[in-house]
Amino acid sequence: MEGEKPDLVAVLEHYAAIHSHFDLNLARVPETGRHNIRCPFHHDRSPSASIDIGRGQFRCFACDAPSGDSLDLIMGIEGIGFREAKQWAAEHVGYKGGGVQRAPADRQYRPSWLTEDDD
């Protein structure tokens, strides 16, 4: 569906696979319906971040990491913009939504009155 975000758990699983300090143990907290995890932005001894899988939201209570959805998480970790985060998600977690578009190719201006012989 157009406008959907990349799956938050898929993004977190990707980072857990490549960063040894980030342990994705989805310990459920029944009272809130959220999961506590170790933050991918800093070294945690105990889980300080919370994710709400149903809403696709992430938040760390111990650091100044950007809170938000999976694209916010990618932008914060990778240090890239929104369009680049969509492209990253397409390449790394199979994201197909949101209409990732490439910038148009550079074109040199050529006046219409020039002919091939004028080159």
Protein backbone atom coordinates (compact mmCIF):
# COMPACT_ATOMS: atom_id res chain seq x y z
CA MET A 1 0.00 0.00 0.00
CA GLU A 2 1.27 3.47 -0.90
CA GLY A 3 2.56 5.50 2.04
CA GLU A 4 3.38 2.51 4.26
CA LYS A 5 6.64 2.58 6.18
CA PRO A 6 9.26 -0.17 6.14
CA ASP A 7 8.67 -2.81 8.80
CA LEU A 8 10.22 -1.60 12.07
CA VAL A 9 11.17 -5.09 13.26
CA ALA A 10 12.85 -5.89 9.91
CA VAL A 11 14.93 -2.71 10.20
CA LEU A 12 15.86 -3.50 13.81
CA GLU A 13 16.74 -7.10 12.90
CA HIS A 14 19.06 -5.82 10.18
CA TYR A 15 20.95 -3.63 12.65
CA ALA A 16 21.03 -6.39 15.28
CA ALA A 17 22.70 -8.69 12.74
CA ILE A 18 25.52 -6.24 11.99
CA HIS A 19 26.08 -4.48 15.34
CA SER A 20 27.31 -6.68 18.18
CA HIS A 21 26.29 -4.17 20.89
CA PHE A 22 22.68 -4.11 19.71
CA ASP A 23 20.76 -7.09 21.06
CA LEU A 24 17.22 -7.34 19.73
CA ASN A 25 15.53 -9.25 22.53
CA LEU A 26 11.85 -8.45 22.21
CA ALA A 27 10.90 -8.76 25.88
CA ARG A 28 7.21 -7.90 26.00
CA VAL A 29 5.90 -5.55 28.67
CA PRO A 30 2.26 -6.67 29.11
CA GLU A 31 0.97 -3.50 30.80
CA THR A 32 1.87 -1.25 27.87
CA GLY A 33 1.82 -3.62 24.92
CA ARG A 34 5.30 -2.43 24.00
CA HIS A 35 8.63 -4.17 23.77
CA ASN A 36 11.78 -3.08 25.57
CA ILE A 37 15.00 -3.42 23.59
CA ARG A 38 18.59 -2.23 23.77
CA CYS A 39 19.02 1.00 21.87
CA PRO A 40 20.89 0.74 18.54
CA PHE A 41 22.22 4.29 19.01
CA HIS A 42 24.33 3.64 22.12
CA HIS A 43 25.78 0.80 24.18
CA ASP A 44 23.15 -0.41 26.63
CA ARG A 45 23.60 -2.83 29.50
CA SER A 46 19.87 -3.12 29.93
CA PRO A 47 17.01 -2.23 27.56
CA SER A 48 16.41 1.51 27.52
CA ALA A 49 14.42 1.77 24.29
CA SER A 50 10.81 0.93 23.69
CA ILE A 51 9.11 -0.10 20.47
CA ASP A 52 5.43 -0.34 19.72
CA ILE A 53 5.19 -2.84 16.89
CA GLY A 54 1.49 -2.16 16.30
CA ARG A 55 2.13 1.54 15.70
CA GLY A 56 5.62 1.07 14.24
CA GLN A 57 7.19 3.52 16.71
CA PHE A 58 10.61 3.61 18.40
CA ARG A 59 11.84 5.63 21.37
CA CYS A 60 14.90 5.54 23.61
CA PHE A 61 14.54 6.96 27.09
CA ALA A 62 18.28 7.11 27.82
CA CYS A 63 19.76 9.03 24.91
CA ASP A 64 18.90 11.77 22.45
CA ALA A 65 18.23 9.33 19.63
CA PRO A 66 15.54 10.35 17.19
CA SER A 67 12.17 8.88 18.08
CA GLY A 68 9.65 7.92 15.46
CA ASP A 69 9.03 5.30 12.83
CA SER A 70 11.35 2.99 10.90
CA LEU A 71 12.40 5.72 8.44
CA ASP A 72 13.31 8.02 11.35
CA LEU A 73 15.39 5.19 12.79
CA ILE A 74 17.22 4.64 9.50
CA MET A 75 17.83 8.37 9.01
CA GLY A 76 19.26 8.65 12.53
CA ILE A 77 21.55 5.63 12.37
CA GLU A 78 22.75 6.16 8.81
CA GLY A 79 22.85 9.97 8.95
CA ILE A 80 20.89 10.30 5.70
CA GLY A 81 17.78 12.11 4.49
CA PHE A 82 14.24 10.89 3.91
CA ARG A 83 14.61 9.87 0.25
CA GLU A 84 17.90 8.11 0.96
CA ALA A 85 16.29 6.26 3.89
CA LYS A 86 13.57 4.96 1.56
CA GLN A 87 16.25 3.80 -0.87
CA TRP A 88 18.23 2.20 1.99
CA ALA A 89 15.11 0.33 3.11
CA ALA A 90 14.48 -0.89 -0.45
CA GLU A 91 18.04 -2.23 -0.69
CA HIS A 92 18.38 -3.73 2.81
CA VAL A 93 14.95 -4.86 4.02
CA GLY A 94 12.98 -5.25 0.80
CA TYR A 95 10.81 -2.14 1.19
CA LYS A 96 8.68 -1.64 -1.90
CA GLY A 97 6.32 1.19 -0.93
CA GLY A 98 6.49 4.94 -0.93
CA GLY A 99 7.51 5.53 -4.52
CA VAL A 100 11.29 5.77 -4.28
CA GLN A 101 12.27 7.87 -7.27
CA ARG A 102 15.61 8.71 -8.72
CA ALA A 103 16.58 12.28 -9.54
CA PRO A 104 16.31 13.11 -13.24
CA ALA A 105 19.52 12.84 -15.24
CA ASP A 106 21.45 16.05 -15.82
CA ARG A 107 20.75 17.53 -19.23
CA GLN A 108 22.78 20.13 -21.00
CA TYR A 109 20.86 22.97 -22.56
CA ARG A 110 21.06 23.01 -26.33
CA PRO A 111 19.25 25.77 -28.21
CA SER A 112 16.77 24.41 -30.74
CA TRP A 113 18.18 26.55 -33.53
CA LEU A 114 21.58 24.80 -33.45
CA THR A 115 22.14 22.11 -36.02
CA GLU A 116 24.44 19.09 -35.92
CA ASP A 117 26.95 21.03 -38.03
CA ASP A 118 27.27 23.76 -35.38
CA ASP A 119 29.11 21.48 -32.95
